Every structure is written in structure tokens, then in C-alpha cells.
Amino acid sequence: MRAIAMTAFGGPEVLVETTRPEPLPATGELLVQVTASGINRPDVLQRKGAYAPPPGASDLPGLEIAGTIVGGDAAEMAAAGFKLGDRVCALVAGGGYAERCTAPIAQCLPVPAGLSDIEAASLPETFFTVWSNVFDRGRLQAGETLLVQGGSSGIGVTAIQLAKAMGAKVLVTAGSDDKVAACVALGADVGINYKTQDFVAEVKAATDGKGTDVVLDMVAGDYVAREVQCVADDGRIVIIAVQGGVNSGFNAGEVLRRRITITGSTLRPRPIAFKGAIAASLRAKVWPLIETGRIKPVISRVFPAAQAAQAHALMESSQHVGKIVLDWTA
């Protein structure tokens, strides 16, 4: 099969098309003929040597796929409501940049009605991540306020739509007026250009001084100290990436006095059962919203799979709004 592998750790140019043996599905897995693969920041980190695959996972990058079931145990498939030929999208621990990929059945979801495989491939990584962190860890409730740092990213556009659909008010930061406008068009109530505005002051103003109930933070670094200043009493700060560094220097006294929770997580190394529980929540609570058009995939650009290097260059430029996807049929 065709696949995209890394010749070394480094820049986008280390991604090259190659051939690999077709993987074989183990017990509890499906084999998927991949039509499209989503690109995510962890793929970039893996390419740079900063995010190794968990033990037993493929060394090929790629954490989300969409395509057609072409293998697996028939009884296991039937128990999960699948059969050969069904269109699915899946969260995987690696190996997504290939024409065929194995995926745990528990982490597979049907392609939502009305969506293409390109659109479906943009869903798993961001929807699993946002649901787990904003709603499970962050405990966001209807009527509360969510601040999304980096609202124009794949995670950001997902968080905006999910939080709005669940009845929350959404504030976002983005790095340009155009990106802010794109976030507002997706449903964000308040957009903040972090290059020209102080997000602490803007959050306070937008919440009548109360602060935001939940923060979804992909930056960390000195952002955490500033988030402590603008989160509400009993607020929750959920860190899912450290693009701004690992040292934060926040005021621990504020955390104590105002009962602030600072938490975080990584999804890739978690057990299949944990991810399967997220998949079940998404299928029950979110997939119907996608199928009715209330939540929509946001695709910035689609590249032929052979142009994975160019796709990674776009990801690192941060000039996109939404998801970047590889097309294996192009």
C-alpha cells in the first residue's frame, strides 16, 4: 500500500511517499480502506521527534481517518453495528497516513449522513479531544462561558460549535482580524485579536467582571498566569498543548482563594476503553447535531496525499482556519 513516512526527524520535507505492507486487523480492530486522513498538530510534533507513538502503534503519522471497512471479524463488527463496506471515520494512535489502516472498533464511528469522507476525516481527533476536555474534564454546562485560545484552529472551530450547541457562551482568541471574523461567523459570541487586544481585559468586559467558567488552552506558557486572572471563581482551566512552553508561573494564591482548577490531558496514549467511551458520547450526543447541519466540518484545504509535506508546511504557518485533510483518491 502507499503510505507517507518520515525519513528522519525534521521539517516537512522529511515526509515522503513510500510503500508499506498492508496492516492486519487484530482482535477488536477493523481494517479500513482509507479515503482521507486528517492532519493535526501532534503529527507535526511527531515529525519533529517531540511526540513518539505509544508502544505498539504504527510509526507512520496520522491520528484520524475516514474510509470503508474492508476487514475485521464479522461477529465483532456486527456487535458494534458495522459490516464490510460501511463508511466509517476513526481515531487511531498512528498509521493514518496510509491507504489502509487498522482502527479499534470502539474508536470507529459511522460517517455522519450527508458528509463526504473528506469531511468525516476532519472529525475524530478534534471532536474526541474537545468532548473529553471541555465537557468531561472542564464540565462545561449550558449557561456557562467558555474561552477558547486559538479559535481558528481545528480544535478551536470544533470547540466553538460544540459549546454553542450545548448552550454555552463562547469567547475566542485568534491572531488576526480575519480569523476573529471567521470564529464569530461560526458562532463565537466574542472574538479577541490576541495580537492587538488584552484577552484578560476583554474576557472581564464580556462577562461583566465575573470571568469565564472554562478555558480551553492550547498555548500554556505565560498564558496560564493570565488565564488565572480572567477565569471565574470555581473556574476550570484545561490545558491540551504547550505551544507557548511548559513554564507558567501563575499565582497559586489566586488558585486557592478562588477554587480554580487547572488540569490537562493528552489523548493519544489513553486506553481504548477510555476513547471508546468518548466515541459513544459523540455518537449519542453530537453525531445527530452534525447530521442535522447544526454542527459542520470546517475544512481549510485538501491536499493529495503525496503532498503531505506541503500540508504540514501550511499547518505550521498557521494561515489556515479549520482542518487540513489529505485525499488518498487524488
C-alpha atoms as a PDB file:
ATOM      1  CA  MET A   1       0.000   0.000   0.000  1.00  0.00           C
ATOM      2  CA  ARG A   2       1.010   3.645  -0.406  1.00  0.00           C
ATOM      3  CA  ALA A   3       1.948   5.459   2.784  1.00  0.00           C
ATOM      4  CA  ILE A   4       3.591   8.667   3.963  1.00  0.00           C
ATOM      5  CA  ALA A   5       6.618   8.020   6.166  1.00  0.00           C
ATOM      6  CA  MET A   6       9.313  10.121   7.787  1.00  0.00           C
ATOM      7  CA  THR A   7      12.882   9.699   6.556  1.00  0.00           C
ATOM      8  CA  ALA A   8      14.172  11.413   9.717  1.00  0.00           C
ATOM      9  CA  PHE A   9      13.055  13.939  12.287  1.00  0.00           C
ATOM     10  CA  GLY A  10      12.903  17.435  10.863  1.00  0.00           C
ATOM     11  CA  GLY A  11      10.949  19.818   8.654  1.00  0.00           C
ATOM     12  CA  PRO A  12       8.048  18.996   6.347  1.00  0.00           C
ATOM     13  CA  GLU A  13      10.468  17.768   3.679  1.00  0.00           C
ATOM     14  CA  VAL A  14      11.151  14.576   5.678  1.00  0.00           C
ATOM     15  CA  LEU A  15       7.650  13.347   4.789  1.00  0.00           C
ATOM     16  CA  VAL A  16       7.886  11.152   1.693  1.00  0.00           C
ATOM     17  CA  GLU A  17       5.598   8.741  -0.103  1.00  0.00           C
ATOM     18  CA  THR A  18       6.653   5.121   0.217  1.00  0.00           C
ATOM     19  CA  THR A  19       5.148   1.634   0.216  1.00  0.00           C
ATOM     20  CA  ARG A  20       4.429  -0.449   3.287  1.00  0.00           C
ATOM     21  CA  PRO A  21       2.926  -3.891   3.873  1.00  0.00           C
ATOM     22  CA  GLU A  22      -0.795  -3.795   4.473  1.00  0.00           C
ATOM     23  CA  PRO A  23      -1.586  -3.972   8.217  1.00  0.00           C
ATOM     24  CA  LEU A  24      -3.603  -6.863   9.587  1.00  0.00           C
ATOM     25  CA  PRO A  25      -6.511  -6.211  11.958  1.00  0.00           C
ATOM     26  CA  ALA A  26      -6.074  -7.727  15.417  1.00  0.00           C
ATOM     27  CA  THR A  27      -8.891  -8.825  17.689  1.00  0.00           C
ATOM     28  CA  GLY A  28     -11.162  -5.867  18.271  1.00  0.00           C
ATOM     29  CA  GLU A  29      -9.941  -3.969  15.207  1.00  0.00           C
ATOM     30  CA  LEU A  30     -11.239  -3.081  11.762  1.00  0.00           C
ATOM     31  CA  LEU A  31      -9.219  -2.693   8.583  1.00  0.00           C
ATOM     32  CA  VAL A  32     -10.191   0.484   6.754  1.00  0.00           C
ATOM     33  CA  GLN A  33      -9.540   1.377   3.131  1.00  0.00           C
ATOM     34  CA  VAL A  34      -8.580   4.993   3.762  1.00  0.00           C
ATOM     35  CA  THR A  35     -10.045   7.686   1.538  1.00  0.00           C
ATOM     36  CA  ALA A  36      -8.928  10.677   3.600  1.00  0.00           C
ATOM     37  CA  SER A  37      -6.619  11.416   6.539  1.00  0.00           C
ATOM     38  CA  GLY A  38      -6.839  14.421   8.831  1.00  0.00           C
ATOM     39  CA  ILE A  39      -3.738  16.411   9.800  1.00  0.00           C
ATOM     40  CA  ASN A  40      -3.219  17.592  13.359  1.00  0.00           C
ATOM     41  CA  ARG A  41      -0.601  19.402  15.452  1.00  0.00           C
ATOM     42  CA  PRO A  42       0.527  16.154  17.116  1.00  0.00           C
ATOM     43  CA  ASP A  43       1.542  14.905  13.645  1.00  0.00           C
ATOM     44  CA  VAL A  44       3.874  17.898  13.360  1.00  0.00           C
ATOM     45  CA  LEU A  45       5.328  17.191  16.798  1.00  0.00           C
ATOM     46  CA  GLN A  46       5.892  13.550  15.862  1.00  0.00           C
ATOM     47  CA  ARG A  47       7.652  14.632  12.666  1.00  0.00           C
ATOM     48  CA  LYS A  48       9.971  16.815  14.739  1.00  0.00           C
ATOM     49  CA  GLY A  49      10.756  13.990  17.171  1.00  0.00           C
ATOM     50  CA  ALA A  50       8.821  15.526  20.064  1.00  0.00           C
ATOM     51  CA  TYR A  51       5.843  13.155  20.276  1.00  0.00           C
ATOM     52  CA  ALA A  52       6.641   9.468  19.935  1.00  0.00           C
ATOM     53  CA  PRO A  53       3.868   6.989  19.105  1.00  0.00           C
ATOM     54  CA  PRO A  54       2.690   4.920  22.086  1.00  0.00           C
ATOM     55  CA  PRO A  55       4.019   1.345  22.353  1.00  0.00           C
ATOM     56  CA  GLY A  56       2.561  -0.914  19.681  1.00  0.00           C
ATOM     57  CA  ALA A  57       1.317   1.892  17.448  1.00  0.00           C
ATOM     58  CA  SER A  58       2.441   2.369  13.844  1.00  0.00           C
ATOM     59  CA  ASP A  59       5.436   4.639  13.291  1.00  0.00           C
ATOM     60  CA  LEU A  60       3.531   6.288  10.453  1.00  0.00           C
ATOM     61  CA  PRO A  61       1.943   9.608  11.428  1.00  0.00           C
ATOM     62  CA  GLY A  62      -1.786  10.192  11.279  1.00  0.00           C
ATOM     63  CA  LEU A  63      -4.389  10.108  14.055  1.00  0.00           C
ATOM     64  CA  GLU A  64      -7.694  10.252  12.159  1.00  0.00           C
ATOM     65  CA  ILE A  65      -9.050   8.608   9.041  1.00  0.00           C
ATOM     66  CA  ALA A  66     -12.188   8.055   7.028  1.00  0.00           C
ATOM     67  CA  GLY A  67     -12.943   5.333   4.529  1.00  0.00           C
ATOM     68  CA  THR A  68     -14.566   1.942   4.050  1.00  0.00           C
ATOM     69  CA  ILE A  69     -14.388  -1.183   6.216  1.00  0.00           C
ATOM     70  CA  VAL A  70     -12.587  -3.925   4.266  1.00  0.00           C
ATOM     71  CA  GLY A  71     -11.573  -6.333   7.047  1.00  0.00           C
ATOM     72  CA  GLY A  72     -12.150  -7.489  10.591  1.00  0.00           C
ATOM     73  CA  ASP A  73     -14.027 -10.161  12.492  1.00  0.00           C
ATOM     74  CA  ALA A  74     -17.615 -10.304  11.273  1.00  0.00           C
ATOM     75  CA  ALA A  75     -19.063 -11.076  14.717  1.00  0.00           C
ATOM     76  CA  GLU A  76     -17.169  -8.206  16.359  1.00  0.00           C
ATOM     77  CA  MET A  77     -18.287  -5.855  13.627  1.00  0.00           C
ATOM     78  CA  ALA A  78     -21.906  -6.940  13.953  1.00  0.00           C
ATOM     79  CA  ALA A  79     -21.821  -6.436  17.723  1.00  0.00           C
ATOM     80  CA  ALA A  80     -20.737  -2.833  17.121  1.00  0.00           C
ATOM     81  CA  GLY A  81     -23.317  -2.275  14.381  1.00  0.00           C
ATOM     82  CA  PHE A  82     -20.862  -2.395  11.462  1.00  0.00           C
ATOM     83  CA  LYS A  83     -20.368  -4.597   8.421  1.00  0.00           C
ATOM     84  CA  LEU A  84     -17.964  -4.841   5.499  1.00  0.00           C
ATOM     85  CA  GLY A  85     -18.425  -1.928   3.133  1.00  0.00           C
ATOM     86  CA  ASP A  86     -19.660   0.530   5.753  1.00  0.00           C
ATOM     87  CA  ARG A  87     -18.197   4.036   5.668  1.00  0.00           C
ATOM     88  CA  VAL A  88     -16.535   4.980   8.945  1.00  0.00           C
ATOM     89  CA  CYS A  89     -14.247   7.554  10.467  1.00  0.00           C
ATOM     90  CA  ALA A  90     -11.905   6.635  13.285  1.00  0.00           C
ATOM     91  CA  LEU A  91      -9.451   7.915  15.854  1.00  0.00           C
ATOM     92  CA  VAL A  92      -6.199   5.949  15.670  1.00  0.00           C
ATOM     93  CA  ALA A  93      -2.932   6.036  17.627  1.00  0.00           C
ATOM     94  CA  GLY A  94      -0.873   6.184  14.432  1.00  0.00           C
ATOM     95  CA  GLY A  95      -0.739   4.893  10.882  1.00  0.00           C
ATOM     96  CA  GLY A  96      -3.363   7.228   9.454  1.00  0.00           C
ATOM     97  CA  TYR A  97      -1.159   8.480   6.605  1.00  0.00           C
ATOM     98  CA  ALA A  98      -1.678   5.331   4.552  1.00  0.00           C
ATOM     99  CA  GLU A  99      -4.096   3.743   2.097  1.00  0.00           C
ATOM    100  CA  ARG A 100      -5.093   1.144   4.673  1.00  0.00           C
ATOM    101  CA  CYS A 101      -5.156   1.468   8.436  1.00  0.00           C
ATOM    102  CA  THR A 102      -6.328  -0.634  11.349  1.00  0.00           C
ATOM    103  CA  ALA A 103      -8.551   1.003  13.968  1.00  0.00           C
ATOM    104  CA  PRO A 104     -10.051  -0.228  17.236  1.00  0.00           C
ATOM    105  CA  ILE A 105     -13.739  -0.902  16.654  1.00  0.00           C
ATOM    106  CA  ALA A 106     -14.570   1.096  19.778  1.00  0.00           C
ATOM    107  CA  GLN A 107     -12.924   4.174  18.257  1.00  0.00           C
ATOM    108  CA  CYS A 108     -14.810   3.936  14.958  1.00  0.00           C
ATOM    109  CA  LEU A 109     -17.908   5.958  14.174  1.00  0.00           C
ATOM    110  CA  PRO A 110     -20.204   5.874  11.160  1.00  0.00           C
ATOM    111  CA  VAL A 111     -19.662   8.691   8.689  1.00  0.00           C
ATOM    112  CA  PRO A 112     -22.463  11.130   9.558  1.00  0.00           C
ATOM    113  CA  ALA A 113     -25.246  11.142   6.983  1.00  0.00           C
ATOM    114  CA  GLY A 114     -24.667  13.742   4.306  1.00  0.00           C
ATOM    115  CA  LEU A 115     -20.902  14.073   4.845  1.00  0.00           C
ATOM    116  CA  SER A 116     -18.131  13.170   2.418  1.00  0.00           C
ATOM    117  CA  ASP A 117     -15.151  11.109   3.540  1.00  0.00           C
ATOM    118  CA  ILE A 118     -13.018  14.271   3.341  1.00  0.00           C
ATOM    119  CA  GLU A 119     -15.349  15.971   5.810  1.00  0.00           C
ATOM    120  CA  ALA A 120     -15.573  12.898   8.027  1.00  0.00           C
ATOM    121  CA  ALA A 121     -11.781  12.594   8.241  1.00  0.00           C
ATOM    122  CA  SER A 122     -11.668  16.053   9.825  1.00  0.00           C
ATOM    123  CA  LEU A 123     -13.834  14.996  12.772  1.00  0.00           C
ATOM    124  CA  PRO A 124     -12.310  12.358  15.082  1.00  0.00           C
ATOM    125  CA  GLU A 125      -9.189  13.943  16.593  1.00  0.00           C
ATOM    126  CA  THR A 126     -10.757  17.313  17.319  1.00  0.00           C
ATOM    127  CA  PHE A 127     -14.177  16.069  18.398  1.00  0.00           C
ATOM    128  CA  PHE A 128     -12.734  13.393  20.712  1.00  0.00           C
ATOM    129  CA  THR A 129     -10.326  15.970  22.179  1.00  0.00           C
ATOM    130  CA  VAL A 130     -12.880  18.733  22.678  1.00  0.00           C
ATOM    131  CA  TRP A 131     -15.524  16.454  24.157  1.00  0.00           C
ATOM    132  CA  SER A 132     -13.064  14.858  26.587  1.00  0.00           C
ATOM    133  CA  ASN A 133     -11.516  18.121  27.734  1.00  0.00           C
ATOM    134  CA  VAL A 134     -14.273  20.723  27.557  1.00  0.00           C
ATOM    135  CA  PHE A 135     -17.217  18.619  28.685  1.00  0.00           C
ATOM    136  CA  ASP A 136     -15.724  15.704  30.659  1.00  0.00           C
ATOM    137  CA  ARG A 137     -12.735  17.400  32.328  1.00  0.00           C
ATOM    138  CA  GLY A 138     -13.902  21.021  32.090  1.00  0.00           C
ATOM    139  CA  ARG A 139     -17.517  20.176  32.980  1.00  0.00           C
ATOM    140  CA  LEU A 140     -18.868  22.988  30.798  1.00  0.00           C
ATOM    141  CA  GLN A 141     -22.611  23.438  31.341  1.00  0.00           C
ATOM    142  CA  ALA A 142     -25.345  25.261  29.474  1.00  0.00           C
ATOM    143  CA  GLY A 143     -25.373  28.911  30.503  1.00  0.00           C
ATOM    144  CA  GLU A 144     -21.649  28.965  31.316  1.00  0.00           C
ATOM    145  CA  THR A 145     -18.885  30.729  29.382  1.00  0.00           C
ATOM    146  CA  LEU A 146     -16.007  29.067  27.523  1.00  0.00           C
ATOM    147  CA  LEU A 147     -12.803  30.821  26.425  1.00  0.00           C
ATOM    148  CA  VAL A 148     -11.055  29.078  23.518  1.00  0.00           C
ATOM    149  CA  GLN A 149      -7.436  30.042  22.983  1.00  0.00           C
ATOM    150  CA  GLY A 150      -6.794  29.658  19.260  1.00  0.00           C
ATOM    151  CA  GLY A 151     -10.342  29.674  17.980  1.00  0.00           C
ATOM    152  CA  SER A 152      -9.432  29.339  14.304  1.00  0.00           C
ATOM    153  CA  SER A 153      -7.554  26.048  14.736  1.00  0.00           C
ATOM    154  CA  GLY A 154      -9.119  22.668  14.076  1.00  0.00           C
ATOM    155  CA  ILE A 155      -9.681  22.262  17.808  1.00  0.00           C
ATOM    156  CA  GLY A 156     -10.984  25.820  18.023  1.00  0.00           C
ATOM    157  CA  VAL A 157     -13.639  25.609  15.323  1.00  0.00           C
ATOM    158  CA  THR A 158     -14.862  22.358  16.865  1.00  0.00           C
ATOM    159  CA  ALA A 159     -14.982  23.811  20.385  1.00  0.00           C
ATOM    160  CA  ILE A 160     -16.909  26.875  19.205  1.00  0.00           C
ATOM    161  CA  GLN A 161     -19.624  24.838  17.537  1.00  0.00           C
ATOM    162  CA  LEU A 162     -19.917  22.177  20.229  1.00  0.00           C
ATOM    163  CA  ALA A 163     -20.073  24.662  23.078  1.00  0.00           C
ATOM    164  CA  LYS A 164     -22.690  26.787  21.319  1.00  0.00           C
ATOM    165  CA  ALA A 165     -24.764  23.708  20.520  1.00  0.00           C
ATOM    166  CA  MET A 166     -24.669  22.773  24.215  1.00  0.00           C
ATOM    167  CA  GLY A 167     -25.924  26.194  25.278  1.00  0.00           C
ATOM    168  CA  ALA A 168     -22.718  27.933  26.375  1.00  0.00           C
ATOM    169  CA  LYS A 169     -21.427  31.416  25.593  1.00  0.00           C
ATOM    170  CA  VAL A 170     -18.145  31.287  23.651  1.00  0.00           C
ATOM    171  CA  LEU A 171     -15.222  33.704  23.683  1.00  0.00           C
ATOM    172  CA  VAL A 172     -12.252  33.072  21.398  1.00  0.00           C
ATOM    173  CA  THR A 173      -8.795  34.432  20.743  1.00  0.00           C
ATOM    174  CA  ALA A 174      -7.192  34.419  17.293  1.00  0.00           C
ATOM    175  CA  GLY A 175      -4.159  36.027  15.670  1.00  0.00           C
ATOM    176  CA  SER A 176      -5.764  38.272  13.052  1.00  0.00           C
ATOM    177  CA  ASP A 177      -8.949  40.225  12.458  1.00  0.00           C
ATOM    178  CA  ASP A 178      -9.842  37.867   9.598  1.00  0.00           C
ATOM    179  CA  LYS A 179      -9.512  34.836  11.870  1.00  0.00           C
ATOM    180  CA  VAL A 180     -11.551  36.556  14.562  1.00  0.00           C
ATOM    181  CA  ALA A 181     -14.274  37.249  11.996  1.00  0.00           C
ATOM    182  CA  ALA A 182     -14.223  33.597  10.904  1.00  0.00           C
ATOM    183  CA  CYS A 183     -14.702  32.477  14.505  1.00  0.00           C
ATOM    184  CA  VAL A 184     -17.621  34.850  15.001  1.00  0.00           C
ATOM    185  CA  ALA A 185     -19.182  33.573  11.775  1.00  0.00           C
ATOM    186  CA  LEU A 186     -19.024  30.056  13.247  1.00  0.00           C
ATOM    187  CA  GLY A 187     -20.955  31.212  16.301  1.00  0.00           C
ATOM    188  CA  ALA A 188     -18.451  32.680  18.754  1.00  0.00           C
ATOM    189  CA  ASP A 189     -20.068  35.427  20.821  1.00  0.00           C
ATOM    190  CA  VAL A 190     -16.881  37.427  21.305  1.00  0.00           C
ATOM    191  CA  GLY A 191     -13.705  37.387  19.206  1.00  0.00           C
ATOM    192  CA  ILE A 192     -10.421  38.748  20.558  1.00  0.00           C
ATOM    193  CA  ASN A 193      -7.345  39.513  18.445  1.00  0.00           C
ATOM    194  CA  TYR A 194      -4.604  38.486  20.873  1.00  0.00           C
ATOM    195  CA  LYS A 195      -2.021  40.489  18.931  1.00  0.00           C
ATOM    196  CA  THR A 196      -3.825  43.811  19.369  1.00  0.00           C
ATOM    197  CA  GLN A 197      -6.041  43.252  22.416  1.00  0.00           C
ATOM    198  CA  ASP A 198      -5.517  42.143  26.018  1.00  0.00           C
ATOM    199  CA  PHE A 199      -7.578  38.975  26.320  1.00  0.00           C
ATOM    200  CA  VAL A 200      -7.743  39.288  30.121  1.00  0.00           C
ATOM    201  CA  ALA A 201      -9.404  42.697  29.905  1.00  0.00           C
ATOM    202  CA  GLU A 202     -11.676  41.609  27.040  1.00  0.00           C
ATOM    203  CA  VAL A 203     -12.859  38.497  28.888  1.00  0.00           C
ATOM    204  CA  LYS A 204     -13.593  40.527  32.008  1.00  0.00           C
ATOM    205  CA  ALA A 205     -15.539  43.072  29.961  1.00  0.00           C
ATOM    206  CA  ALA A 206     -17.525  40.387  28.137  1.00  0.00           C
ATOM    207  CA  THR A 207     -18.517  38.663  31.385  1.00  0.00           C
ATOM    208  CA  ASP A 208     -19.336  41.776  33.465  1.00  0.00           C
ATOM    209  CA  GLY A 209     -16.241  41.171  35.559  1.00  0.00           C
ATOM    210  CA  LYS A 210     -17.142  37.591  36.526  1.00  0.00           C
ATOM    211  CA  GLY A 211     -14.635  35.857  34.280  1.00  0.00           C
ATOM    212  CA  THR A 212     -15.007  32.790  32.109  1.00  0.00           C
ATOM    213  CA  ASP A 213     -16.091  29.481  33.609  1.00  0.00           C
ATOM    214  CA  VAL A 214     -13.881  27.265  31.453  1.00  0.00           C
ATOM    215  CA  VAL A 215     -10.709  27.900  29.439  1.00  0.00           C
ATOM    216  CA  LEU A 216      -9.533  25.552  26.689  1.00  0.00           C
ATOM    217  CA  ASP A 217      -5.818  26.315  26.446  1.00  0.00           C
ATOM    218  CA  MET A 218      -3.534  25.101  23.642  1.00  0.00           C
ATOM    219  CA  VAL A 219      -0.752  27.572  24.499  1.00  0.00           C
ATOM    220  CA  ALA A 220       0.199  27.155  28.191  1.00  0.00           C
ATOM    221  CA  GLY A 221       3.397  29.103  28.999  1.00  0.00           C
ATOM    222  CA  ASP A 222       2.659  32.557  30.362  1.00  0.00           C
ATOM    223  CA  TYR A 223      -0.956  32.297  29.161  1.00  0.00           C
ATOM    224  CA  VAL A 224      -1.824  30.231  32.243  1.00  0.00           C
ATOM    225  CA  ALA A 225      -0.963  33.063  34.640  1.00  0.00           C
ATOM    226  CA  ARG A 226      -3.147  35.419  32.612  1.00  0.00           C
ATOM    227  CA  GLU A 227      -5.966  32.870  32.469  1.00  0.00           C
ATOM    228  CA  VAL A 228      -5.921  32.646  36.258  1.00  0.00           C
ATOM    229  CA  GLN A 229      -6.615  36.389  36.221  1.00  0.00           C
ATOM    230  CA  CYS A 230      -9.684  36.113  33.971  1.00  0.00           C
ATOM    231  CA  VAL A 231     -11.234  32.797  34.997  1.00  0.00           C
ATOM    232  CA  ALA A 232     -14.270  32.895  37.282  1.00  0.00           C
ATOM    233  CA  ASP A 233     -14.359  31.677  40.864  1.00  0.00           C
ATOM    234  CA  ASP A 234     -14.589  27.864  40.726  1.00  0.00           C
ATOM    235  CA  GLY A 235     -13.423  28.114  37.105  1.00  0.00           C
ATOM    236  CA  ARG A 236     -11.608  25.376  35.207  1.00  0.00           C
ATOM    237  CA  ILE A 237      -8.526  25.808  33.006  1.00  0.00           C
ATOM    238  CA  VAL A 238      -7.911  22.796  30.760  1.00  0.00           C
ATOM    239  CA  ILE A 239      -4.509  22.603  29.038  1.00  0.00           C
ATOM    240  CA  ILE A 240      -4.244  20.373  25.958  1.00  0.00           C
ATOM    241  CA  ALA A 241      -0.996  21.614  24.353  1.00  0.00           C
ATOM    242  CA  VAL A 242       2.064  23.634  25.296  1.00  0.00           C
ATOM    243  CA  GLN A 243       2.839  25.639  22.170  1.00  0.00           C
ATOM    244  CA  GLY A 244       3.901  28.552  24.394  1.00  0.00           C
ATOM    245  CA  GLY A 245       6.141  26.481  26.676  1.00  0.00           C
ATOM    246  CA  VAL A 246       5.816  24.423  29.840  1.00  0.00           C
ATOM    247  CA  ASN A 247       6.707  27.060  32.456  1.00  0.00           C
ATOM    248  CA  SER A 248       3.684  29.081  33.547  1.00  0.00           C
ATOM    249  CA  GLY A 249       4.390  30.984  36.782  1.00  0.00           C
ATOM    250  CA  PHE A 250       0.775  31.504  37.817  1.00  0.00           C
ATOM    251  CA  ASN A 251      -0.392  32.961  41.132  1.00  0.00           C
ATOM    252  CA  ALA A 252      -1.084  29.896  43.281  1.00  0.00           C
ATOM    253  CA  GLY A 253      -2.698  32.077  45.922  1.00  0.00           C
ATOM    254  CA  GLU A 254      -5.407  33.066  43.457  1.00  0.00           C
ATOM    255  CA  VAL A 255      -5.960  29.402  42.650  1.00  0.00           C
ATOM    256  CA  LEU A 256      -6.501  28.660  46.340  1.00  0.00           C
ATOM    257  CA  ARG A 257      -8.666  31.636  47.183  1.00  0.00           C
ATOM    258  CA  ARG A 258     -10.952  31.308  44.187  1.00  0.00           C
ATOM    259  CA  ARG A 259     -11.002  27.500  44.000  1.00  0.00           C
ATOM    260  CA  ILE A 260      -9.658  27.401  40.432  1.00  0.00           C
ATOM    261  CA  THR A 261      -8.995  24.018  38.836  1.00  0.00           C
ATOM    262  CA  ILE A 262      -6.009  23.738  36.493  1.00  0.00           C
ATOM    263  CA  THR A 263      -5.968  20.432  34.669  1.00  0.00           C
ATOM    264  CA  GLY A 264      -4.935  18.938  31.341  1.00  0.00           C
ATOM    265  CA  SER A 265      -4.647  15.772  29.323  1.00  0.00           C
ATOM    266  CA  THR A 266      -3.221  14.023  26.310  1.00  0.00           C
ATOM    267  CA  LEU A 267      -5.496  11.634  24.428  1.00  0.00           C
ATOM    268  CA  ARG A 268      -3.192   9.527  22.267  1.00  0.00           C
ATOM    269  CA  PRO A 269      -1.797   7.169  24.961  1.00  0.00           C
ATOM    270  CA  ARG A 270      -5.126   6.621  26.752  1.00  0.00           C
ATOM    271  CA  PRO A 271      -6.653   3.109  26.701  1.00  0.00           C
ATOM    272  CA  ILE A 272      -9.078   2.014  24.002  1.00  0.00           C
ATOM    273  CA  ALA A 273     -11.871   1.709  26.567  1.00  0.00           C
ATOM    274  CA  PHE A 274     -11.417   5.375  27.535  1.00  0.00           C
ATOM    275  CA  LYS A 275     -11.555   6.527  23.919  1.00  0.00           C
ATOM    276  CA  GLY A 276     -14.434   4.170  23.232  1.00  0.00           C
ATOM    277  CA  ALA A 277     -16.481   5.867  25.946  1.00  0.00           C
ATOM    278  CA  ILE A 278     -15.859   9.221  24.252  1.00  0.00           C
ATOM    279  CA  ALA A 279     -16.907   7.719  20.915  1.00  0.00           C
ATOM    280  CA  ALA A 280     -20.160   6.514  22.478  1.00  0.00           C
ATOM    281  CA  SER A 281     -20.876  10.013  23.829  1.00  0.00           C
ATOM    282  CA  LEU A 282     -20.163  11.581  20.454  1.00  0.00           C
ATOM    283  CA  ARG A 283     -22.391   9.114  18.631  1.00  0.00           C
ATOM    284  CA  ALA A 284     -25.276   9.725  21.011  1.00  0.00           C
ATOM    285  CA  LYS A 285     -24.988  13.471  21.585  1.00  0.00           C
ATOM    286  CA  VAL A 286     -23.018  15.039  18.744  1.00  0.00           C
ATOM    287  CA  TRP A 287     -23.486  12.965  15.583  1.00  0.00           C
ATOM    288  CA  PRO A 288     -27.209  13.883  15.430  1.00  0.00           C
ATOM    289  CA  LEU A 289     -26.204  17.576  15.516  1.00  0.00           C
ATOM    290  CA  ILE A 290     -23.831  17.029  12.603  1.00  0.00           C
ATOM    291  CA  GLU A 291     -26.439  15.115  10.604  1.00  0.00           C
ATOM    292  CA  THR A 292     -28.969  17.928  11.009  1.00  0.00           C
ATOM    293  CA  GLY A 293     -26.377  20.531   9.977  1.00  0.00           C
ATOM    294  CA  ARG A 294     -26.248  22.299  13.316  1.00  0.00           C
ATOM    295  CA  ILE A 295     -22.532  21.477  13.555  1.00  0.00           C
ATOM    296  CA  LYS A 296     -20.486  21.472  10.355  1.00  0.00           C
ATOM    297  CA  PRO A 297     -16.962  20.363   9.464  1.00  0.00           C
ATOM    298  CA  VAL A 298     -14.668  23.288   8.706  1.00  0.00           C
ATOM    299  CA  ILE A 299     -12.114  22.351   6.037  1.00  0.00           C
ATOM    300  CA  SER A 300      -9.402  24.862   5.220  1.00  0.00           C
ATOM    301  CA  ARG A 301      -7.690  22.919   2.440  1.00  0.00           C
ATOM    302  CA  VAL A 302      -7.426  19.436   0.961  1.00  0.00           C
ATOM    303  CA  PHE A 303      -4.104  18.125  -0.399  1.00  0.00           C
ATOM    304  CA  PRO A 304      -3.389  14.985  -2.416  1.00  0.00           C
ATOM    305  CA  ALA A 305      -1.766  12.514  -0.022  1.00  0.00           C
ATOM    306  CA  ALA A 306       1.526  12.736  -1.918  1.00  0.00           C
ATOM    307  CA  GLN A 307       1.676  16.423  -0.911  1.00  0.00           C
ATOM    308  CA  ALA A 308       1.751  15.727   2.820  1.00  0.00           C
ATOM    309  CA  ALA A 309       4.878  17.882   3.155  1.00  0.00           C
ATOM    310  CA  GLN A 310       3.051  20.910   1.725  1.00  0.00           C
ATOM    311  CA  ALA A 311       0.113  20.196   4.021  1.00  0.00           C
ATOM    312  CA  HIS A 312       2.415  20.196   7.055  1.00  0.00           C
ATOM    313  CA  ALA A 313       4.000  23.454   5.902  1.00  0.00           C
ATOM    314  CA  LEU A 314       0.545  25.045   5.842  1.00  0.00           C
ATOM    315  CA  MET A 315      -0.214  23.658   9.303  1.00  0.00           C
ATOM    316  CA  GLU A 316       2.980  25.210  10.691  1.00  0.00           C
ATOM    317  CA  SER A 317       2.294  28.548   9.001  1.00  0.00           C
ATOM    318  CA  SER A 318      -0.966  28.885  10.975  1.00  0.00           C
ATOM    319  CA  GLN A 319      -2.507  30.598   7.951  1.00  0.00           C
ATOM    320  CA  HIS A 320      -5.466  28.236   7.897  1.00  0.00           C
ATOM    321  CA  VAL A 321      -8.891  28.286   9.546  1.00  0.00           C
ATOM    322  CA  GLY A 322     -10.176  24.824  10.422  1.00  0.00           C
ATOM    323  CA  LYS A 323      -8.829  21.474   9.311  1.00  0.00           C
ATOM    324  CA  ILE A 324      -6.306  20.309   6.712  1.00  0.00           C
ATOM    325  CA  VAL A 325      -7.004  16.926   5.083  1.00  0.00           C
ATOM    326  CA  LEU A 326      -5.101  14.504   2.848  1.00  0.00           C
ATOM    327  CA  ASP A 327      -7.025  12.896  -0.037  1.00  0.00           C
ATOM    328  CA  TRP A 328      -5.886   9.381  -0.986  1.00  0.00           C
ATOM    329  CA  THR A 329      -8.011   9.308  -4.129  1.00  0.00           C
ATOM    330  CA  ALA A 330      -6.369  12.370  -5.725  1.00  0.00           C
END
